[in-house]
Amino acid sequence: MANHFTVNGTSIKDPSGFKIERYNVTNMDRLANAKMVGDLIAQKQKFYFTYDSIEASELDTILGAIYTATLFFPLVYYENGVQHTKTVYVGSIPQELHKATTNAHWVWKNVTFNLIEQ
């Protein structure tokens, strides 16, 4: 299966789950009569990546692309068969180390991170 995500120029493993959140950036305020007013500043997206389990080398590739000194970087992804590119930054990156059985090797599970549009 081809990878559908490129982060900061690096192709990463397709996640177990991928979610897009769309939201409006506004400067809302209330007037003296309690009426809400405001301006729409921008419409942005937040991208959620979930890996049920992932090998250490695959996680290292992802971390090398997103956990860098460069604050903003490109995300290339496909939505409904159309390629899109957004400039994003990374949120937190929680992960859990897991070993299924005594003879099994360690894997990372429940790895999640989000990329937030600039």
Protein backbone atom coordinates (compact mmCIF):
# COMPACT_ATOMS: atom_id res chain seq x y z
CA MET A 1 0.00 0.00 0.00
CA ALA A 2 1.36 3.40 -0.94
CA ASN A 3 1.93 6.01 1.72
CA HIS A 4 -0.56 8.84 1.48
CA PHE A 5 1.19 11.28 3.81
CA THR A 6 4.36 13.29 3.40
CA VAL A 7 5.46 15.38 6.37
CA ASN A 8 8.30 17.88 6.07
CA GLY A 9 9.42 16.12 2.87
CA THR A 10 9.40 12.64 4.46
CA SER A 11 6.94 9.91 3.50
CA ILE A 12 5.44 8.41 6.67
CA LYS A 13 3.53 5.22 7.40
CA ASP A 14 -0.20 5.51 6.81
CA PRO A 15 -1.92 5.86 10.19
CA SER A 16 -4.50 3.47 11.64
CA GLY A 17 -6.80 6.48 11.96
CA PHE A 18 -6.80 9.92 10.36
CA LYS A 19 -9.21 12.73 11.18
CA ILE A 20 -9.55 16.29 9.88
CA GLU A 21 -11.07 18.99 12.05
CA ARG A 22 -12.16 22.22 10.36
CA TYR A 23 -12.66 25.36 12.37
CA ASN A 24 -13.08 29.12 12.07
CA VAL A 25 -10.59 31.54 13.59
CA THR A 26 -12.57 34.54 14.80
CA ASN A 27 -12.28 37.53 17.09
CA MET A 28 -15.67 37.25 18.76
CA ASP A 29 -16.85 39.72 21.40
CA ARG A 30 -20.05 40.74 23.13
CA LEU A 31 -21.56 44.18 22.95
CA ALA A 32 -23.10 45.95 25.95
CA ASN A 33 -26.53 44.52 25.00
CA ALA A 34 -25.01 40.98 25.05
CA LYS A 35 -25.22 40.56 21.26
CA MET A 36 -22.32 38.52 19.89
CA VAL A 37 -20.30 40.17 17.11
CA GLY A 38 -17.06 39.30 15.41
CA ASP A 39 -15.06 38.83 12.27
CA LEU A 40 -14.02 35.68 10.49
CA ILE A 41 -10.23 35.89 10.36
CA ALA A 42 -9.46 32.54 8.72
CA GLN A 43 -10.65 28.99 8.21
CA LYS A 44 -8.10 26.41 9.34
CA GLN A 45 -7.70 22.67 9.72
CA LYS A 46 -6.24 20.34 12.32
CA PHE A 47 -5.06 16.87 11.30
CA TYR A 48 -5.17 13.98 13.79
CA PHE A 49 -2.96 10.91 13.25
CA THR A 50 -3.43 7.69 15.27
CA TYR A 51 -1.32 4.55 15.21
CA ASP A 52 -2.71 1.58 17.14
CA SER A 53 0.80 0.12 17.05
CA ILE A 54 3.96 1.10 15.20
CA GLU A 55 7.50 -0.21 14.95
CA ALA A 56 10.25 1.88 16.56
CA SER A 57 11.92 2.60 13.20
CA GLU A 58 8.64 3.86 11.73
CA LEU A 59 8.05 6.08 14.76
CA ASP A 60 11.60 7.42 14.51
CA THR A 61 10.90 8.40 10.90
CA ILE A 62 7.78 10.30 11.95
CA LEU A 63 9.49 11.99 14.90
CA GLY A 64 12.42 12.97 12.68
CA ALA A 65 9.96 14.74 10.37
CA ILE A 66 7.72 16.48 12.91
CA TYR A 67 9.74 16.95 16.10
CA THR A 68 12.36 19.33 14.77
CA ALA A 69 13.69 22.82 15.39
CA THR A 70 11.69 23.98 12.36
CA LEU A 71 8.41 25.29 13.72
CA PHE A 72 6.38 25.19 10.47
CA PHE A 73 6.64 22.55 7.74
CA PRO A 74 4.57 21.13 4.84
CA LEU A 75 2.03 18.33 5.13
CA VAL A 76 0.98 16.63 1.90
CA TYR A 77 -2.11 14.43 2.17
CA TYR A 78 -4.99 13.13 0.07
CA GLU A 79 -8.61 13.92 0.71
CA ASN A 80 -11.27 12.34 -1.51
CA GLY A 81 -8.58 11.41 -4.03
CA VAL A 82 -7.23 14.96 -4.32
CA GLN A 83 -3.74 15.91 -3.13
CA HIS A 84 -3.52 18.87 -0.73
CA THR A 85 -0.60 20.67 0.87
CA LYS A 86 -0.84 22.66 4.11
CA THR A 87 1.79 24.39 6.22
CA VAL A 88 1.48 22.99 9.75
CA TYR A 89 3.08 22.74 13.17
CA VAL A 90 2.96 19.84 15.62
CA GLY A 91 1.08 19.53 18.91
CA SER A 92 1.92 16.99 21.62
CA ILE A 93 3.07 13.45 20.75
CA PRO A 94 1.96 10.90 23.41
CA GLN A 95 3.06 7.29 22.97
CA GLU A 96 3.15 4.07 25.01
CA LEU A 97 5.84 1.39 24.88
CA HIS A 98 4.37 -2.12 24.74
CA LYS A 99 5.62 -5.71 24.66
CA ALA A 100 2.88 -8.23 23.87
CA THR A 101 4.64 -11.41 25.06
CA THR A 102 7.93 -12.43 26.65
CA ASN A 103 9.56 -13.30 23.31
CA ALA A 104 8.02 -10.44 21.32
CA HIS A 105 9.87 -7.29 20.47
CA TRP A 106 8.82 -3.90 21.81
CA VAL A 107 6.45 -1.75 19.80
CA TRP A 108 4.87 1.62 20.38
CA LYS A 109 1.11 1.64 20.79
CA ASN A 110 -1.57 4.33 20.97
CA VAL A 111 0.71 6.84 19.27
CA THR A 112 -1.21 10.01 18.47
CA PHE A 113 -0.27 13.44 17.26
CA ASN A 114 -1.91 16.34 15.56
CA LEU A 115 -0.67 18.78 12.97
CA ILE A 116 -2.25 22.22 13.11
CA GLU A 117 -2.50 24.50 10.11
CA GLN A 118 -0.44 27.68 10.38
